[in-house]
Amino acid sequence: MRSSAILLILLFIGITFSASAQGPKVLVVTAHPDDETGFSVSLFKITHELKGIVDMAVMTDGGGGFADSQLGAMYYGLNLTDSLVARTHLPLIRKQEILDAAKIMGLRNIYFMEQPDDWYTLDPKPYISGKNWDIPFVEKRLDLILAERQYDFVITMLPHAGQHGHHKTAVLLALRAVQRFKGPHKPIIIAGSPLSANSKPVDFNMLEGFPETKIKENAPTFTLNRAFRFKENDKVSYKIVADWVIAAYKSQGAIQENGIHKTDFEVYRYFDINDTQGISQVRDLFQQLANSGFAAPK
């Protein structure tokens, strides 16, 4: 009888420890397969080093991403630079690419919203208005995902004026889903953007016309350093992980060459719709990321 009681106590302690040892739960909301490459190292470190959970919700089918697919066309044996061929084949190709990238980052699940990746524009209005995208469908799915999965954090891109209209709309959908969330465990939503060492951060306070995108005044920014060299031999950095992820996207030539490949830092900003008290939770998360795995020298 006594041994059974001890066993039950040990089992309870084990369950409690397991629950307390669980890392952060994160939902990433993006517009296209490959948008997450700007914060891929944070996601990798959350899943592999903090033992957290990361899911992703992707708004479009990716069928419009054919402008820089010349090499991908040879790789896949399809004329992907032709819009008709691309829109027929790219949605499946890019799903496979993001699944390959997800394995590297350690993602648990991807929710595909299947909205049309129609054309390039800076204007989010045709999408967030429901003209070009089925907004009620996406909102219903996001509400259900947030309610069922109980995330600690939601990560989006930074919706600055120069962003693609699809990117801006994905951010707006995420922000509005967090605003609608009912319950005691509202997730904290932050915006990530890549930065090279020789560049200045994007100057951003709010996307004009969309007050929900306002960044909280006087809130700090949070930075993850991808580029520091591991002290064991000074030859390796976390930028290698980012390169693994980028390499999964064979159909998307531009991201191999552009600033994402050269990213040294991932910079995150705190949206105003969050409570001020949540700043300490985000600070704790980035302190854990800085101290986990191969930590930079103090």
C-alpha atoms as a PDB file:
ATOM      1  CA  MET A   1       0.000   0.000   0.000  1.00  0.00           C
ATOM      2  CA  ARG A   2       2.772   2.386   0.953  1.00  0.00           C
ATOM      3  CA  SER A   3       4.762   1.624  -2.227  1.00  0.00           C
ATOM      4  CA  SER A   4       1.646   2.351  -4.325  1.00  0.00           C
ATOM      5  CA  ALA A   5       1.235   5.711  -2.601  1.00  0.00           C
ATOM      6  CA  ILE A   6       4.881   6.573  -3.215  1.00  0.00           C
ATOM      7  CA  LEU A   7       4.488   5.564  -6.861  1.00  0.00           C
ATOM      8  CA  LEU A   8       1.454   7.838  -7.223  1.00  0.00           C
ATOM      9  CA  ILE A   9       3.348  10.732  -5.625  1.00  0.00           C
ATOM     10  CA  LEU A  10       6.309  10.221  -7.949  1.00  0.00           C
ATOM     11  CA  LEU A  11       3.966  10.015 -10.924  1.00  0.00           C
ATOM     12  CA  PHE A  12       2.280  13.268  -9.876  1.00  0.00           C
ATOM     13  CA  ILE A  13       5.660  14.956  -9.456  1.00  0.00           C
ATOM     14  CA  GLY A  14       6.707  13.709 -12.891  1.00  0.00           C
ATOM     15  CA  ILE A  15       3.536  15.023 -14.537  1.00  0.00           C
ATOM     16  CA  THR A  16       3.899  18.372 -12.761  1.00  0.00           C
ATOM     17  CA  PHE A  17       7.541  18.671 -13.757  1.00  0.00           C
ATOM     18  CA  SER A  18       6.739  17.745 -17.340  1.00  0.00           C
ATOM     19  CA  ALA A  19       4.035  20.406 -17.509  1.00  0.00           C
ATOM     20  CA  SER A  20       6.266  23.064 -15.989  1.00  0.00           C
ATOM     21  CA  ALA A  21       9.141  22.098 -18.282  1.00  0.00           C
ATOM     22  CA  GLN A  22       7.062  22.669 -21.424  1.00  0.00           C
ATOM     23  CA  GLY A  23       8.514  25.420 -23.566  1.00  0.00           C
ATOM     24  CA  PRO A  24       6.553  28.252 -25.155  1.00  0.00           C
ATOM     25  CA  LYS A  25       3.663  27.598 -27.548  1.00  0.00           C
ATOM     26  CA  VAL A  26       3.820  29.822 -30.619  1.00  0.00           C
ATOM     27  CA  LEU A  27       1.632  30.417 -33.662  1.00  0.00           C
ATOM     28  CA  VAL A  28       3.274  32.087 -36.667  1.00  0.00           C
ATOM     29  CA  VAL A  29       0.885  33.831 -39.073  1.00  0.00           C
ATOM     30  CA  THR A  30       2.227  34.594 -42.559  1.00  0.00           C
ATOM     31  CA  ALA A  31       0.919  35.229 -46.058  1.00  0.00           C
ATOM     32  CA  HIS A  32       3.103  32.941 -48.200  1.00  0.00           C
ATOM     33  CA  PRO A  33       5.284  29.866 -47.847  1.00  0.00           C
ATOM     34  CA  ASP A  34       8.791  31.265 -47.139  1.00  0.00           C
ATOM     35  CA  ASP A  35       7.671  34.413 -45.227  1.00  0.00           C
ATOM     36  CA  GLU A  36       8.832  32.768 -42.012  1.00  0.00           C
ATOM     37  CA  THR A  37      12.445  32.750 -43.194  1.00  0.00           C
ATOM     38  CA  GLY A  38      12.877  36.187 -41.606  1.00  0.00           C
ATOM     39  CA  PHE A  39      12.550  34.629 -38.148  1.00  0.00           C
ATOM     40  CA  SER A  40      13.466  31.006 -38.816  1.00  0.00           C
ATOM     41  CA  VAL A  41      16.283  30.891 -36.251  1.00  0.00           C
ATOM     42  CA  SER A  42      14.006  31.963 -33.396  1.00  0.00           C
ATOM     43  CA  LEU A  43      11.574  29.214 -34.398  1.00  0.00           C
ATOM     44  CA  PHE A  44      14.369  26.629 -34.582  1.00  0.00           C
ATOM     45  CA  LYS A  45      15.680  27.613 -31.152  1.00  0.00           C
ATOM     46  CA  ILE A  46      12.198  27.583 -29.611  1.00  0.00           C
ATOM     47  CA  THR A  47      11.509  24.031 -30.768  1.00  0.00           C
ATOM     48  CA  HIS A  48      14.982  22.488 -30.487  1.00  0.00           C
ATOM     49  CA  GLU A  49      16.453  24.278 -27.483  1.00  0.00           C
ATOM     50  CA  LEU A  50      13.479  25.474 -25.411  1.00  0.00           C
ATOM     51  CA  LYS A  51      11.429  22.351 -26.268  1.00  0.00           C
ATOM     52  CA  GLY A  52       8.514  24.546 -27.234  1.00  0.00           C
ATOM     53  CA  ILE A  53       5.803  24.095 -29.845  1.00  0.00           C
ATOM     54  CA  VAL A  54       5.496  26.138 -33.028  1.00  0.00           C
ATOM     55  CA  ASP A  55       2.601  25.999 -35.493  1.00  0.00           C
ATOM     56  CA  MET A  56       2.099  28.144 -38.570  1.00  0.00           C
ATOM     57  CA  ALA A  57      -0.960  29.547 -40.355  1.00  0.00           C
ATOM     58  CA  VAL A  58      -0.268  30.435 -43.999  1.00  0.00           C
ATOM     59  CA  MET A  59      -2.822  32.581 -45.802  1.00  0.00           C
ATOM     60  CA  THR A  60      -2.184  32.033 -49.532  1.00  0.00           C
ATOM     61  CA  ASP A  61      -1.672  29.042 -51.802  1.00  0.00           C
ATOM     62  CA  GLY A  62       1.629  30.505 -53.046  1.00  0.00           C
ATOM     63  CA  GLY A  63       0.597  30.221 -56.693  1.00  0.00           C
ATOM     64  CA  GLY A  64       1.764  33.717 -57.580  1.00  0.00           C
ATOM     65  CA  GLY A  65       5.403  33.278 -56.586  1.00  0.00           C
ATOM     66  CA  PHE A  66       6.893  32.693 -60.027  1.00  0.00           C
ATOM     67  CA  ALA A  67       8.783  35.931 -60.803  1.00  0.00           C
ATOM     68  CA  ASP A  68      12.208  34.573 -59.771  1.00  0.00           C
ATOM     69  CA  SER A  69      11.740  30.871 -60.433  1.00  0.00           C
ATOM     70  CA  GLN A  70      14.095  30.448 -63.389  1.00  0.00           C
ATOM     71  CA  LEU A  71      16.377  27.986 -61.571  1.00  0.00           C
ATOM     72  CA  GLY A  72      13.424  26.356 -59.842  1.00  0.00           C
ATOM     73  CA  ALA A  73      11.918  25.737 -63.273  1.00  0.00           C
ATOM     74  CA  MET A  74      14.967  23.681 -64.221  1.00  0.00           C
ATOM     75  CA  TYR A  75      14.998  21.900 -60.847  1.00  0.00           C
ATOM     76  CA  TYR A  76      11.331  20.866 -61.081  1.00  0.00           C
ATOM     77  CA  GLY A  77      11.273  20.368 -64.857  1.00  0.00           C
ATOM     78  CA  LEU A  78       8.352  22.757 -65.256  1.00  0.00           C
ATOM     79  CA  ASN A  79       8.119  26.140 -66.939  1.00  0.00           C
ATOM     80  CA  LEU A  80       7.374  27.915 -63.678  1.00  0.00           C
ATOM     81  CA  THR A  81       8.087  31.356 -65.126  1.00  0.00           C
ATOM     82  CA  ASP A  82       4.890  30.999 -67.159  1.00  0.00           C
ATOM     83  CA  SER A  83       2.018  32.251 -65.014  1.00  0.00           C
ATOM     84  CA  LEU A  84      -0.469  29.597 -66.138  1.00  0.00           C
ATOM     85  CA  VAL A  85       1.960  26.739 -65.482  1.00  0.00           C
ATOM     86  CA  ALA A  86       2.981  28.297 -62.172  1.00  0.00           C
ATOM     87  CA  ARG A  87      -0.545  28.818 -60.885  1.00  0.00           C
ATOM     88  CA  THR A  88      -1.328  25.199 -61.779  1.00  0.00           C
ATOM     89  CA  HIS A  89       1.728  23.618 -60.153  1.00  0.00           C
ATOM     90  CA  LEU A  90       3.203  26.058 -57.617  1.00  0.00           C
ATOM     91  CA  PRO A  91       0.571  25.617 -54.878  1.00  0.00           C
ATOM     92  CA  LEU A  92       1.526  21.954 -54.419  1.00  0.00           C
ATOM     93  CA  ILE A  93       5.249  22.619 -54.929  1.00  0.00           C
ATOM     94  CA  ARG A  94       5.299  25.380 -52.329  1.00  0.00           C
ATOM     95  CA  LYS A  95       3.336  23.274 -49.846  1.00  0.00           C
ATOM     96  CA  GLN A  96       6.016  20.616 -50.116  1.00  0.00           C
ATOM     97  CA  GLU A  97       8.734  23.246 -49.769  1.00  0.00           C
ATOM     98  CA  ILE A  98       7.237  24.708 -46.604  1.00  0.00           C
ATOM     99  CA  LEU A  99       6.790  21.207 -45.175  1.00  0.00           C
ATOM    100  CA  ASP A 100      10.486  20.564 -45.821  1.00  0.00           C
ATOM    101  CA  ALA A 101      11.350  23.875 -44.157  1.00  0.00           C
ATOM    102  CA  ALA A 102       9.032  23.047 -41.265  1.00  0.00           C
ATOM    103  CA  LYS A 103      10.965  19.842 -40.546  1.00  0.00           C
ATOM    104  CA  ILE A 104      14.167  21.870 -40.198  1.00  0.00           C
ATOM    105  CA  MET A 105      12.558  24.417 -37.886  1.00  0.00           C
ATOM    106  CA  GLY A 106      10.798  21.704 -35.881  1.00  0.00           C
ATOM    107  CA  LEU A 107       7.253  22.911 -36.538  1.00  0.00           C
ATOM    108  CA  ARG A 108       4.370  20.793 -35.301  1.00  0.00           C
ATOM    109  CA  ASN A 109       1.645  21.768 -37.771  1.00  0.00           C
ATOM    110  CA  ILE A 110       0.820  24.096 -40.665  1.00  0.00           C
ATOM    111  CA  TYR A 111      -2.676  25.444 -41.264  1.00  0.00           C
ATOM    112  CA  PHE A 112      -3.168  26.264 -44.949  1.00  0.00           C
ATOM    113  CA  MET A 113      -5.847  28.909 -45.528  1.00  0.00           C
ATOM    114  CA  GLU A 114      -5.713  28.515 -49.350  1.00  0.00           C
ATOM    115  CA  GLN A 115      -6.426  32.133 -50.265  1.00  0.00           C
ATOM    116  CA  PRO A 116      -5.445  33.236 -53.796  1.00  0.00           C
ATOM    117  CA  ASP A 117      -1.897  34.512 -54.266  1.00  0.00           C
ATOM    118  CA  ASP A 118      -3.080  36.753 -57.062  1.00  0.00           C
ATOM    119  CA  TRP A 119      -0.627  39.604 -57.759  1.00  0.00           C
ATOM    120  CA  TYR A 120       1.836  41.970 -56.174  1.00  0.00           C
ATOM    121  CA  THR A 121       0.390  45.081 -54.568  1.00  0.00           C
ATOM    122  CA  LEU A 122       1.147  47.180 -51.500  1.00  0.00           C
ATOM    123  CA  ASP A 123      -2.557  47.714 -50.821  1.00  0.00           C
ATOM    124  CA  PRO A 124      -4.156  45.379 -48.237  1.00  0.00           C
ATOM    125  CA  LYS A 125      -7.680  46.730 -48.732  1.00  0.00           C
ATOM    126  CA  PRO A 126      -8.826  44.309 -51.489  1.00  0.00           C
ATOM    127  CA  TYR A 127      -7.925  41.424 -49.160  1.00  0.00           C
ATOM    128  CA  ILE A 128      -8.879  42.564 -45.679  1.00  0.00           C
ATOM    129  CA  SER A 129     -12.196  43.886 -47.070  1.00  0.00           C
ATOM    130  CA  GLY A 130     -13.121  40.407 -48.243  1.00  0.00           C
ATOM    131  CA  LYS A 131     -13.133  41.317 -51.935  1.00  0.00           C
ATOM    132  CA  ASN A 132     -10.214  39.054 -52.922  1.00  0.00           C
ATOM    133  CA  TRP A 133      -9.984  36.746 -49.906  1.00  0.00           C
ATOM    134  CA  ASP A 134     -12.619  34.815 -47.958  1.00  0.00           C
ATOM    135  CA  ILE A 135     -12.071  36.732 -44.729  1.00  0.00           C
ATOM    136  CA  PRO A 136     -14.965  35.159 -42.721  1.00  0.00           C
ATOM    137  CA  PHE A 137     -13.517  31.693 -43.451  1.00  0.00           C
ATOM    138  CA  VAL A 138     -10.006  32.702 -42.352  1.00  0.00           C
ATOM    139  CA  GLU A 139     -11.291  34.487 -39.243  1.00  0.00           C
ATOM    140  CA  LYS A 140     -13.335  31.462 -38.200  1.00  0.00           C
ATOM    141  CA  ARG A 141     -10.350  29.143 -38.595  1.00  0.00           C
ATOM    142  CA  LEU A 142      -7.986  31.448 -36.737  1.00  0.00           C
ATOM    143  CA  ASP A 143     -10.466  31.851 -33.885  1.00  0.00           C
ATOM    144  CA  LEU A 144     -10.807  28.088 -33.595  1.00  0.00           C
ATOM    145  CA  ILE A 145      -7.039  27.491 -33.734  1.00  0.00           C
ATOM    146  CA  LEU A 146      -6.336  30.088 -31.028  1.00  0.00           C
ATOM    147  CA  ALA A 147      -9.112  28.758 -28.802  1.00  0.00           C
ATOM    148  CA  GLU A 148      -8.084  25.114 -29.132  1.00  0.00           C
ATOM    149  CA  ARG A 149      -4.301  25.446 -29.043  1.00  0.00           C
ATOM    150  CA  GLN A 150      -3.887  28.089 -26.323  1.00  0.00           C
ATOM    151  CA  TYR A 151      -0.697  29.727 -27.563  1.00  0.00           C
ATOM    152  CA  ASP A 152       1.571  31.893 -25.454  1.00  0.00           C
ATOM    153  CA  PHE A 153       2.765  33.994 -28.408  1.00  0.00           C
ATOM    154  CA  VAL A 154       1.712  34.878 -31.947  1.00  0.00           C
ATOM    155  CA  ILE A 155       4.428  36.039 -34.358  1.00  0.00           C
ATOM    156  CA  THR A 156       3.774  38.029 -37.536  1.00  0.00           C
ATOM    157  CA  MET A 157       5.793  40.061 -39.991  1.00  0.00           C
ATOM    158  CA  LEU A 158       6.183  43.801 -39.428  1.00  0.00           C
ATOM    159  CA  PRO A 159       3.447  45.474 -41.536  1.00  0.00           C
ATOM    160  CA  HIS A 160       5.407  48.528 -42.662  1.00  0.00           C
ATOM    161  CA  ALA A 161       4.337  50.592 -45.667  1.00  0.00           C
ATOM    162  CA  GLY A 162       6.697  48.834 -48.087  1.00  0.00           C
ATOM    163  CA  GLN A 163       5.357  45.377 -47.349  1.00  0.00           C
ATOM    164  CA  HIS A 164       3.325  43.308 -49.809  1.00  0.00           C
ATOM    165  CA  GLY A 165      -0.437  43.784 -49.359  1.00  0.00           C
ATOM    166  CA  HIS A 166      -0.742  40.068 -48.585  1.00  0.00           C
ATOM    167  CA  HIS A 167       1.787  40.426 -45.763  1.00  0.00           C
ATOM    168  CA  LYS A 168      -0.077  43.375 -44.282  1.00  0.00           C
ATOM    169  CA  THR A 169      -3.377  41.507 -44.480  1.00  0.00           C
ATOM    170  CA  ALA A 170      -1.954  38.437 -42.735  1.00  0.00           C
ATOM    171  CA  VAL A 171      -0.770  40.682 -39.891  1.00  0.00           C
ATOM    172  CA  LEU A 172      -4.180  42.375 -39.653  1.00  0.00           C
ATOM    173  CA  LEU A 173      -5.922  38.995 -39.514  1.00  0.00           C
ATOM    174  CA  ALA A 174      -3.621  37.836 -36.715  1.00  0.00           C
ATOM    175  CA  LEU A 175      -4.056  41.055 -34.729  1.00  0.00           C
ATOM    176  CA  ARG A 176      -7.820  40.974 -35.040  1.00  0.00           C
ATOM    177  CA  ALA A 177      -7.943  37.311 -34.047  1.00  0.00           C
ATOM    178  CA  VAL A 178      -5.992  38.114 -30.874  1.00  0.00           C
ATOM    179  CA  GLN A 179      -8.323  41.053 -30.200  1.00  0.00           C
ATOM    180  CA  ARG A 180     -11.365  38.759 -30.530  1.00  0.00           C
ATOM    181  CA  PHE A 181      -9.880  36.084 -28.296  1.00  0.00           C
ATOM    182  CA  LYS A 182     -11.961  35.339 -25.217  1.00  0.00           C
ATOM    183  CA  GLY A 183     -10.512  33.584 -22.241  1.00  0.00           C
ATOM    184  CA  PRO A 184      -7.922  33.903 -19.509  1.00  0.00           C
ATOM    185  CA  HIS A 185      -4.868  33.031 -21.620  1.00  0.00           C
ATOM    186  CA  LYS A 186      -4.767  35.638 -24.394  1.00  0.00           C
ATOM    187  CA  PRO A 187      -1.610  35.211 -26.481  1.00  0.00           C
ATOM    188  CA  ILE A 188       0.933  38.010 -26.808  1.00  0.00           C
ATOM    189  CA  ILE A 189       1.419  39.116 -30.416  1.00  0.00           C
ATOM    190  CA  ILE A 190       4.751  40.448 -31.701  1.00  0.00           C
ATOM    191  CA  ALA A 191       6.118  41.421 -35.125  1.00  0.00           C
ATOM    192  CA  GLY A 192       9.437  40.120 -36.407  1.00  0.00           C
ATOM    193  CA  SER A 193      11.672  41.566 -39.100  1.00  0.00           C
ATOM    194  CA  PRO A 194      15.154  40.707 -40.407  1.00  0.00           C
ATOM    195  CA  LEU A 195      18.077  43.104 -40.024  1.00  0.00           C
ATOM    196  CA  SER A 196      21.642  43.066 -41.312  1.00  0.00           C
ATOM    197  CA  ALA A 197      24.463  44.396 -39.184  1.00  0.00           C
ATOM    198  CA  ASN A 198      25.121  47.370 -41.469  1.00  0.00           C
ATOM    199  CA  SER A 199      21.470  48.469 -41.738  1.00  0.00           C
ATOM    200  CA  LYS A 200      19.125  50.499 -39.572  1.00  0.00           C
ATOM    201  CA  PRO A 201      15.862  49.020 -38.266  1.00  0.00           C
ATOM    202  CA  VAL A 202      12.744  49.986 -40.204  1.00  0.00           C
ATOM    203  CA  ASP A 203      11.137  53.084 -38.730  1.00  0.00           C
ATOM    204  CA  PHE A 204       7.639  51.891 -37.858  1.00  0.00           C
ATOM    205  CA  ASN A 205       4.956  53.034 -35.464  1.00  0.00           C
ATOM    206  CA  MET A 206       1.689  52.076 -37.176  1.00  0.00           C
ATOM    207  CA  LEU A 207       0.353  51.177 -40.624  1.00  0.00           C
ATOM    208  CA  GLU A 208      -1.707  54.165 -41.710  1.00  0.00           C
ATOM    209  CA  GLY A 209      -5.432  53.479 -41.559  1.00  0.00           C
ATOM    210  CA  PHE A 210      -5.081  50.425 -39.322  1.00  0.00           C
ATOM    211  CA  PRO A 211      -4.708  51.473 -35.657  1.00  0.00           C
ATOM    212  CA  GLU A 212      -4.534  47.873 -34.456  1.00  0.00           C
ATOM    213  CA  THR A 213      -1.009  47.725 -35.943  1.00  0.00           C
ATOM    214  CA  LYS A 214       0.327  50.371 -33.547  1.00  0.00           C
ATOM    215  CA  ILE A 215       3.505  49.457 -31.690  1.00  0.00           C
ATOM    216  CA  LYS A 216       3.320  50.074 -27.947  1.00  0.00           C
ATOM    217  CA  GLU A 217       4.974  53.340 -27.025  1.00  0.00           C
ATOM    218  CA  ASN A 218       8.174  52.980 -24.979  1.00  0.00           C
ATOM    219  CA  ALA A 219       8.112  49.193 -25.288  1.00  0.00           C
ATOM    220  CA  PRO A 220      11.568  47.729 -25.958  1.00  0.00           C
ATOM    221  CA  THR A 221      12.496  45.844 -29.098  1.00  0.00           C
ATOM    222  CA  PHE A 222      13.686  42.268 -28.699  1.00  0.00           C
ATOM    223  CA  THR A 223      16.608  40.960 -30.724  1.00  0.00           C
ATOM    224  CA  LEU A 224      17.971  37.531 -31.552  1.00  0.00           C
ATOM    225  CA  ASN A 225      21.533  37.460 -32.871  1.00  0.00           C
ATOM    226  CA  ARG A 226      21.896  34.919 -35.676  1.00  0.00           C
ATOM    227  CA  ALA A 227      25.412  35.879 -36.621  1.00  0.00           C
ATOM    228  CA  PHE A 228      27.653  35.412 -33.572  1.00  0.00           C
ATOM    229  CA  ARG A 229      30.310  32.771 -34.017  1.00  0.00           C
ATOM    230  CA  PHE A 230      30.314  29.820 -31.675  1.00  0.00           C
ATOM    231  CA  LYS A 231      33.181  30.119 -29.254  1.00  0.00           C
ATOM    232  CA  GLU A 232      34.291  26.496 -29.781  1.00  0.00           C
ATOM    233  CA  ASN A 233      35.897  27.296 -33.124  1.00  0.00           C
ATOM    234  CA  ASP A 234      34.513  30.650 -34.312  1.00  0.00           C
ATOM    235  CA  LYS A 235      33.509  29.071 -37.631  1.00  0.00           C
ATOM    236  CA  VAL A 236      29.816  28.332 -37.103  1.00  0.00           C
ATOM    237  CA  SER A 237      26.776  30.548 -36.535  1.00  0.00           C
ATOM    238  CA  TYR A 238      23.013  30.124 -36.449  1.00  0.00           C
ATOM    239  CA  LYS A 239      22.901  31.658 -39.922  1.00  0.00           C
ATOM    240  CA  ILE A 240      23.542  28.097 -41.096  1.00  0.00           C
ATOM    241  CA  VAL A 241      20.076  27.136 -39.824  1.00  0.00           C
ATOM    242  CA  ALA A 242      18.578  30.030 -41.790  1.00  0.00           C
ATOM    243  CA  ASP A 243      20.410  28.807 -44.898  1.00  0.00           C
ATOM    244  CA  TRP A 244      18.979  25.305 -44.411  1.00  0.00           C
ATOM    245  CA  VAL A 245      15.492  26.772 -44.288  1.00  0.00           C
ATOM    246  CA  ILE A 246      15.984  29.074 -47.265  1.00  0.00           C
ATOM    247  CA  ALA A 247      17.388  26.185 -49.306  1.00  0.00           C
ATOM    248  CA  ALA A 248      14.089  24.303 -48.967  1.00  0.00           C
ATOM    249  CA  TYR A 249      12.459  26.865 -51.267  1.00  0.00           C
ATOM    250  CA  LYS A 250      13.863  25.793 -54.634  1.00  0.00           C
ATOM    251  CA  SER A 251      11.079  27.598 -56.522  1.00  0.00           C
ATOM    252  CA  GLN A 252      11.850  30.963 -54.904  1.00  0.00           C
ATOM    253  CA  GLY A 253      15.164  32.178 -56.283  1.00  0.00           C
ATOM    254  CA  ALA A 254      15.106  35.721 -54.917  1.00  0.00           C
ATOM    255  CA  ILE A 255      15.167  34.735 -51.256  1.00  0.00           C
ATOM    256  CA  GLN A 256      18.456  32.918 -51.825  1.00  0.00           C
ATOM    257  CA  GLU A 257      20.068  36.194 -52.911  1.00  0.00           C
ATOM    258  CA  ASN A 258      18.285  38.986 -51.058  1.00  0.00           C
ATOM    259  CA  GLY A 259      18.580  40.370 -47.536  1.00  0.00           C
ATOM    260  CA  ILE A 260      17.119  37.320 -45.795  1.00  0.00           C
ATOM    261  CA  HIS A 261      20.311  35.405 -46.610  1.00  0.00           C
ATOM    262  CA  LYS A 262      22.332  38.273 -45.168  1.00  0.00           C
ATOM    263  CA  THR A 263      20.242  38.644 -42.018  1.00  0.00           C
ATOM    264  CA  ASP A 264      22.334  39.014 -38.856  1.00  0.00           C
ATOM    265  CA  PHE A 265      19.547  39.824 -36.398  1.00  0.00           C
ATOM    266  CA  GLU A 266      15.877  39.075 -35.944  1.00  0.00           C
ATOM    267  CA  VAL A 267      14.172  42.108 -34.416  1.00  0.00           C
ATOM    268  CA  TYR A 268      10.769  41.860 -32.729  1.00  0.00           C
ATOM    269  CA  ARG A 269       8.357  44.624 -31.734  1.00  0.00           C
ATOM    270  CA  TYR A 270       5.517  44.660 -29.259  1.00  0.00           C
ATOM    271  CA  PHE A 271       2.045  45.564 -30.522  1.00  0.00           C
ATOM    272  CA  ASP A 272      -0.006  48.074 -28.555  1.00  0.00           C
ATOM    273  CA  ILE A 273      -3.020  45.738 -28.312  1.00  0.00           C
ATOM    274  CA  ASN A 274      -1.027  43.658 -25.791  1.00  0.00           C
ATOM    275  CA  ASP A 275      -1.152  44.411 -22.079  1.00  0.00           C
ATOM    276  CA  THR A 276       1.936  46.176 -20.766  1.00  0.00           C
ATOM    277  CA  GLN A 277       2.479  43.298 -18.315  1.00  0.00           C
ATOM    278  CA  GLY A 278       3.249  40.984 -21.226  1.00  0.00           C
ATOM    279  CA  ILE A 279       6.498  42.800 -21.999  1.00  0.00           C
ATOM    280  CA  SER A 280       8.255  40.893 -19.220  1.00  0.00           C
ATOM    281  CA  GLN A 281       7.121  37.579 -20.742  1.00  0.00           C
ATOM    282  CA  VAL A 282       8.572  38.501 -24.114  1.00  0.00           C
ATOM    283  CA  ARG A 283      11.772  39.695 -22.442  1.00  0.00           C
ATOM    284  CA  ASP A 284      12.025  36.362 -20.606  1.00  0.00           C
ATOM    285  CA  LEU A 285      11.514  34.470 -23.880  1.00  0.00           C
ATOM    286  CA  PHE A 286      14.347  36.296 -25.613  1.00  0.00           C
ATOM    287  CA  GLN A 287      16.624  35.945 -22.621  1.00  0.00           C
ATOM    288  CA  GLN A 288      16.018  32.197 -22.759  1.00  0.00           C
ATOM    289  CA  LEU A 289      16.733  32.177 -26.490  1.00  0.00           C
ATOM    290  CA  ALA A 290      19.942  34.136 -25.946  1.00  0.00           C
ATOM    291  CA  ASN A 291      21.105  31.763 -23.221  1.00  0.00           C
ATOM    292  CA  SER A 292      20.090  28.478 -24.855  1.00  0.00           C
ATOM    293  CA  GLY A 293      22.036  26.276 -27.217  1.00  0.00           C
ATOM    294  CA  PHE A 294      25.283  27.954 -28.240  1.00  0.00           C
ATOM    295  CA  ALA A 295      25.052  31.152 -26.223  1.00  0.00           C
ATOM    296  CA  ALA A 296      26.987  34.219 -27.255  1.00  0.00           C
ATOM    297  CA  PRO A 297      29.898  35.179 -24.980  1.00  0.00           C
ATOM    298  CA  LYS A 298      28.923  37.681 -22.289  1.00  0.00           C
END
